[in-house]
């Protein structure tokens, strides 16, 4: 488990330029994926779960 008190600064640990808030997390220039790429990954993974019948189990949680 990560202790939030260990985080030494509000500055983004990836770009070290701006305060890391929810908006910055999505637009940070050092993100590995764009929002569009991330959305595509989620859609692909969801399709796999539907095909395997696992999505019903997840919805019931």
PDB file of N, CA and C in Angstrom:
ATOM      1  N   UNK A   1       0.835  -1.180   0.000  1.00  0.00           N
ATOM      2  CA  UNK A   1       0.000   0.000   0.000  1.00  0.00           C
ATOM      3  C   UNK A   1       0.884   1.249   0.000  1.00  0.00           C
ATOM      4  N   UNK A   2       0.480   2.246  -0.777  1.00  0.00           N
ATOM      5  CA  UNK A   2       1.257   3.473  -0.872  1.00  0.00           C
ATOM      6  C   UNK A   2       0.774   4.465   0.174  1.00  0.00           C
ATOM      7  N   UNK A   3       1.704   5.020   0.918  1.00  0.00           N
ATOM      8  CA  UNK A   3       1.388   6.011   1.931  1.00  0.00           C
ATOM      9  C   UNK A   3       1.423   7.388   1.282  1.00  0.00           C
ATOM     10  N   UNK A   4       0.282   8.074   1.245  1.00  0.00           N
ATOM     11  CA  UNK A   4       0.214   9.375   0.575  1.00  0.00           C
ATOM     12  C   UNK A   4       1.077  10.436   1.254  1.00  0.00           C
ATOM     13  N   UNK A   5       1.461  10.223   2.490  1.00  0.00           N
ATOM     14  CA  UNK A   5       2.321  11.183   3.181  1.00  0.00           C
ATOM     15  C   UNK A   5       3.760  11.125   2.682  1.00  0.00           C
ATOM     16  N   UNK A   6       4.097  10.105   1.935  1.00  0.00           N
ATOM     17  CA  UNK A   6       5.454   9.958   1.416  1.00  0.00           C
ATOM     18  C   UNK A   6       5.693  10.863   0.209  1.00  0.00           C
ATOM     19  N   UNK A   7       4.629  11.239  -0.492  1.00  0.00           N
ATOM     20  CA  UNK A   7       4.760  12.077  -1.683  1.00  0.00           C
ATOM     21  C   UNK A   7       5.299  13.437  -1.252  1.00  0.00           C
ATOM     22  N   UNK A   8       6.511  13.792  -1.700  1.00  0.00           N
ATOM     23  CA  UNK A   8       7.171  15.001  -1.208  1.00  0.00           C
ATOM     24  C   UNK A   8       6.664  16.311  -1.811  1.00  0.00           C
ATOM     25  N   UNK A   9       5.960  16.247  -2.935  1.00  0.00           N
ATOM     26  CA  UNK A   9       5.585  17.470  -3.626  1.00  0.00           C
ATOM     27  C   UNK A   9       4.332  17.252  -4.460  1.00  0.00           C
ATOM     28  N   UNK A  10       3.643  18.348  -4.764  1.00  0.00           N
ATOM     29  CA  UNK A  10       2.486  18.273  -5.651  1.00  0.00           C
ATOM     30  C   UNK A  10       2.904  18.322  -7.114  1.00  0.00           C
ATOM     31  N   UNK A  11       4.177  18.576  -7.376  1.00  0.00           N
ATOM     32  CA  UNK A  11       4.669  18.671  -8.750  1.00  0.00           C
ATOM     33  C   UNK A  11       4.674  17.280  -9.383  1.00  0.00           C
ATOM     34  N   UNK A  12       4.269  17.219 -10.636  1.00  0.00           N
ATOM     35  CA  UNK A  12       4.210  15.961 -11.385  1.00  0.00           C
ATOM     36  C   UNK A  12       5.576  15.278 -11.379  1.00  0.00           C
ATOM     37  N   UNK A  13       5.603  14.009 -11.010  1.00  0.00           N
ATOM     38  CA  UNK A  13       6.879  13.290 -10.956  1.00  0.00           C
ATOM     39  C   UNK A  13       7.379  12.892 -12.344  1.00  0.00           C
ATOM     40  N   UNK A  14       6.499  12.989 -13.352  1.00  0.00           N
ATOM     41  CA  UNK A  14       6.918  12.623 -14.707  1.00  0.00           C
ATOM     42  C   UNK A  14       7.574  13.792 -15.426  1.00  0.00           C
ATOM     43  N   UNK A  15       6.878  14.927 -15.497  1.00  0.00           N
ATOM     44  CA  UNK A  15       7.424  16.063 -16.242  1.00  0.00           C
ATOM     45  C   UNK A  15       8.160  17.045 -15.334  1.00  0.00           C
ATOM     46  N   UNK A  16       7.858  17.023 -14.048  1.00  0.00           N
ATOM     47  CA  UNK A  16       8.455  17.915 -13.051  1.00  0.00           C
ATOM     48  C   UNK A  16       8.274  19.391 -13.401  1.00  0.00           C
ATOM     49  N   UNK A  17       7.135  19.715 -14.055  1.00  0.00           N
ATOM     50  CA  UNK A  17       6.898  21.094 -14.478  1.00  0.00           C
ATOM     51  C   UNK A  17       5.663  21.720 -13.848  1.00  0.00           C
ATOM     52  N   UNK A  18       4.620  20.925 -13.608  1.00  0.00           N
ATOM     53  CA  UNK A  18       3.345  21.479 -13.160  1.00  0.00           C
ATOM     54  C   UNK A  18       2.801  20.687 -11.979  1.00  0.00           C
ATOM     55  N   UNK A  19       1.850  21.308 -11.286  1.00  0.00           N
ATOM     56  CA  UNK A  19       1.155  20.613 -10.202  1.00  0.00           C
ATOM     57  C   UNK A  19       0.364  19.465 -10.818  1.00  0.00           C
ATOM     58  N   UNK A  20       0.464  18.296 -10.207  1.00  0.00           N
ATOM     59  CA  UNK A  20      -0.215  17.119 -10.734  1.00  0.00           C
ATOM     60  C   UNK A  20      -1.626  17.048 -10.163  1.00  0.00           C
ATOM     61  N   UNK A  21      -2.590  17.545 -10.945  1.00  0.00           N
ATOM     62  CA  UNK A  21      -3.997  17.406 -10.594  1.00  0.00           C
ATOM     63  C   UNK A  21      -4.640  16.513 -11.656  1.00  0.00           C
ATOM     64  N   UNK A  22      -5.966  16.303 -11.552  1.00  0.00           N
ATOM     65  CA  UNK A  22      -6.618  15.381 -12.494  1.00  0.00           C
ATOM     66  C   UNK A  22      -6.496  15.853 -13.932  1.00  0.00           C
ATOM     67  N   UNK A  23      -6.606  17.154 -14.155  1.00  0.00           N
ATOM     68  CA  UNK A  23      -6.460  17.665 -15.524  1.00  0.00           C
ATOM     69  C   UNK A  23      -5.056  17.409 -16.052  1.00  0.00           C
ATOM     70  N   UNK A  24      -4.073  17.682 -15.220  1.00  0.00           N
ATOM     71  CA  UNK A  24      -2.685  17.503 -15.659  1.00  0.00           C
ATOM     72  C   UNK A  24      -2.369  16.038 -15.962  1.00  0.00           C
ATOM     73  N   UNK A  25      -2.915  15.141 -15.178  1.00  0.00           N
ATOM     74  CA  UNK A  25      -2.663  13.715 -15.418  1.00  0.00           C
ATOM     75  C   UNK A  25      -3.012  13.344 -16.850  1.00  0.00           C
ATOM     76  N   UNK A  26      -4.109  13.911 -17.385  1.00  0.00           N
ATOM     77  CA  UNK A  26      -4.545  13.576 -18.741  1.00  0.00           C
ATOM     78  C   UNK A  26      -3.771  14.314 -19.821  1.00  0.00           C
ATOM     79  N   UNK A  27      -3.250  15.497 -19.519  1.00  0.00           N
ATOM     80  CA  UNK A  27      -2.602  16.282 -20.579  1.00  0.00           C
ATOM     81  C   UNK A  27      -1.084  16.346 -20.462  1.00  0.00           C
ATOM     82  N   UNK A  28      -0.517  15.732 -19.456  1.00  0.00           N
ATOM     83  CA  UNK A  28       0.935  15.776 -19.257  1.00  0.00           C
ATOM     84  C   UNK A  28       1.658  15.294 -20.510  1.00  0.00           C
ATOM     85  N   UNK A  29       2.619  16.083 -20.945  1.00  0.00           N
ATOM     86  CA  UNK A  29       3.346  15.763 -22.181  1.00  0.00           C
ATOM     87  C   UNK A  29       4.157  14.478 -22.090  1.00  0.00           C
ATOM     88  N   UNK A  30       4.384  13.995 -20.893  1.00  0.00           N
ATOM     89  CA  UNK A  30       5.175  12.774 -20.745  1.00  0.00           C
ATOM     90  C   UNK A  30       4.322  11.515 -20.610  1.00  0.00           C
ATOM     91  N   UNK A  31       2.999  11.667 -20.750  1.00  0.00           N
ATOM     92  CA  UNK A  31       2.130  10.490 -20.711  1.00  0.00           C
ATOM     93  C   UNK A  31       2.521   9.507 -21.799  1.00  0.00           C
ATOM     94  N   UNK A  32       2.477   8.243 -21.454  1.00  0.00           N
ATOM     95  CA  UNK A  32       2.795   7.193 -22.412  1.00  0.00           C
ATOM     96  C   UNK A  32       1.688   7.063 -23.460  1.00  0.00           C
ATOM     97  N   UNK A  33       0.448   7.319 -23.064  1.00  0.00           N
ATOM     98  CA  UNK A  33      -0.693   7.175 -23.964  1.00  0.00           C
ATOM     99  C   UNK A  33      -1.474   8.480 -24.046  1.00  0.00           C
ATOM    100  N   UNK A  34      -2.083   8.735 -25.197  1.00  0.00           N
ATOM    101  CA  UNK A  34      -3.022   9.845 -25.317  1.00  0.00           C
ATOM    102  C   UNK A  34      -4.376   9.364 -24.807  1.00  0.00           C
ATOM    103  N   UNK A  35      -5.292  10.284 -24.585  1.00  0.00           N
ATOM    104  CA  UNK A  35      -6.633   9.904 -24.135  1.00  0.00           C
ATOM    105  C   UNK A  35      -7.283   8.980 -25.156  1.00  0.00           C
ATOM    106  N   UNK A  36      -7.102   9.273 -26.439  1.00  0.00           N
ATOM    107  CA  UNK A  36      -7.693   8.437 -27.491  1.00  0.00           C
ATOM    108  C   UNK A  36      -7.118   7.019 -27.446  1.00  0.00           C
ATOM    109  N   UNK A  37      -5.803   6.905 -27.281  1.00  0.00           N
ATOM    110  CA  UNK A  37      -5.180   5.577 -27.209  1.00  0.00           C
ATOM    111  C   UNK A  37      -5.680   4.816 -25.982  1.00  0.00           C
ATOM    112  N   UNK A  38      -5.788   5.510 -24.863  1.00  0.00           N
ATOM    113  CA  UNK A  38      -6.262   4.887 -23.632  1.00  0.00           C
ATOM    114  C   UNK A  38      -7.697   4.396 -23.796  1.00  0.00           C
ATOM    115  N   UNK A  39      -8.540   5.223 -24.423  1.00  0.00           N
ATOM    116  CA  UNK A  39      -9.929   4.837 -24.678  1.00  0.00           C
ATOM    117  C   UNK A  39      -9.992   3.597 -25.554  1.00  0.00           C
ATOM    118  N   UNK A  40      -9.167   3.556 -26.588  1.00  0.00           N
ATOM    119  CA  UNK A  40      -9.137   2.387 -27.472  1.00  0.00           C
ATOM    120  C   UNK A  40      -8.718   1.130 -26.721  1.00  0.00           C
ATOM    121  N   UNK A  41      -7.748   1.256 -25.843  1.00  0.00           N
ATOM    122  CA  UNK A  41      -7.311   0.109 -25.041  1.00  0.00           C
ATOM    123  C   UNK A  41      -8.462  -0.381 -24.164  1.00  0.00           C
ATOM    124  N   UNK A  42      -9.175   0.548 -23.519  1.00  0.00           N
ATOM    125  CA  UNK A  42     -10.313   0.160 -22.675  1.00  0.00           C
ATOM    126  C   UNK A  42     -11.388  -0.546 -23.483  1.00  0.00           C
ATOM    127  N   UNK A  43     -11.684  -0.022 -24.670  1.00  0.00           N
ATOM    128  CA  UNK A  43     -12.702  -0.650 -25.519  1.00  0.00           C
ATOM    129  C   UNK A  43     -12.281  -2.051 -25.946  1.00  0.00           C
ATOM    130  N   UNK A  44     -11.018  -2.207 -26.312  1.00  0.00           N
ATOM    131  CA  UNK A  44     -10.518  -3.528 -26.716  1.00  0.00           C
ATOM    132  C   UNK A  44     -10.618  -4.514 -25.555  1.00  0.00           C
ATOM    133  N   UNK A  45     -10.189  -4.081 -24.375  1.00  0.00           N
ATOM    134  CA  UNK A  45     -10.224  -4.964 -23.209  1.00  0.00           C
ATOM    135  C   UNK A  45     -11.657  -5.301 -22.820  1.00  0.00           C
ATOM    136  N   UNK A  46     -12.561  -4.327 -22.919  1.00  0.00           N
ATOM    137  CA  UNK A  46     -13.974  -4.577 -22.613  1.00  0.00           C
ATOM    138  C   UNK A  46     -14.557  -5.609 -23.561  1.00  0.00           C
ATOM    139  N   UNK A  47     -14.195  -5.513 -24.842  1.00  0.00           N
ATOM    140  CA  UNK A  47     -14.679  -6.477 -25.832  1.00  0.00           C
ATOM    141  C   UNK A  47     -14.219  -7.883 -25.483  1.00  0.00           C
ATOM    142  N   UNK A  48     -12.989  -8.003 -25.053  1.00  0.00           N
ATOM    143  CA  UNK A  48     -12.449  -9.314 -24.670  1.00  0.00           C
ATOM    144  C   UNK A  48     -13.226  -9.862 -23.475  1.00  0.00           C
ATOM    145  N   UNK A  49     -13.502  -8.995 -22.489  1.00  0.00           N
ATOM    146  CA  UNK A  49     -14.254  -9.433 -21.311  1.00  0.00           C
ATOM    147  C   UNK A  49     -15.660  -9.876 -21.686  1.00  0.00           C
ATOM    148  N   UNK A  50     -16.303  -9.150 -22.596  1.00  0.00           N
ATOM    149  CA  UNK A  50     -17.651  -9.520 -23.041  1.00  0.00           C
ATOM    150  C   UNK A  50     -17.612 -10.880 -23.725  1.00  0.00           C
ATOM    151  N   UNK A  51     -16.629 -11.081 -24.598  1.00  0.00           N
ATOM    152  CA  UNK A  51     -16.503 -12.357 -25.306  1.00  0.00           C
ATOM    153  C   UNK A  51     -16.310 -13.515 -24.339  1.00  0.00           C
ATOM    154  N   UNK A  52     -15.604 -13.279 -23.261  1.00  0.00           N
ATOM    155  CA  UNK A  52     -15.339 -14.344 -22.293  1.00  0.00           C
ATOM    156  C   UNK A  52     -16.444 -14.462 -21.250  1.00  0.00           C
ATOM    157  N   UNK A  53     -17.429 -13.571 -21.305  1.00  0.00           N
ATOM    158  CA  UNK A  53     -18.524 -13.616 -20.342  1.00  0.00           C
ATOM    159  C   UNK A  53     -18.162 -13.089 -18.973  1.00  0.00           C
ATOM    160  N   UNK A  54     -17.037 -12.446 -18.858  1.00  0.00           N
ATOM    161  CA  UNK A  54     -16.575 -11.961 -17.555  1.00  0.00           C
ATOM    162  C   UNK A  54     -17.226 -10.636 -17.186  1.00  0.00           C
ATOM    163  N   UNK A  55     -17.668  -9.881 -18.172  1.00  0.00           N
ATOM    164  CA  UNK A  55     -18.230  -8.560 -17.897  1.00  0.00           C
ATOM    165  C   UNK A  55     -19.439  -8.646 -16.973  1.00  0.00           C
ATOM    166  N   UNK A  56     -20.247  -9.702 -17.080  1.00  0.00           N
ATOM    167  CA  UNK A  56     -21.396  -9.880 -16.189  1.00  0.00           C
ATOM    168  C   UNK A  56     -20.968 -10.058 -14.746  1.00  0.00           C
ATOM    169  N   UNK A  57     -19.882 -10.742 -14.546  1.00  0.00           N
ATOM    170  CA  UNK A  57     -19.356 -10.943 -13.191  1.00  0.00           C
ATOM    171  C   UNK A  57     -18.911  -9.608 -12.610  1.00  0.00           C
ATOM    172  N   UNK A  58     -18.224  -8.812 -13.424  1.00  0.00           N
ATOM    173  CA  UNK A  58     -17.730  -7.517 -12.965  1.00  0.00           C
ATOM    174  C   UNK A  58     -18.893  -6.588 -12.629  1.00  0.00           C
ATOM    175  N   UNK A  59     -19.928  -6.571 -13.466  1.00  0.00           N
ATOM    176  CA  UNK A  59     -21.085  -5.711 -13.212  1.00  0.00           C
ATOM    177  C   UNK A  59     -21.783  -6.082 -11.912  1.00  0.00           C
ATOM    178  N   UNK A  60     -21.715  -7.341 -11.523  1.00  0.00           N
ATOM    179  CA  UNK A  60     -22.367  -7.794 -10.305  1.00  0.00           C
ATOM    180  C   UNK A  60     -21.601  -7.470  -9.044  1.00  0.00           C
ATOM    181  N   UNK A  61     -20.400  -6.966  -9.188  1.00  0.00           N
ATOM    182  CA  UNK A  61     -19.567  -6.665  -8.017  1.00  0.00           C
ATOM    183  C   UNK A  61     -20.019  -5.399  -7.351  1.00  0.00           C
TER     184      UNK A  61
END
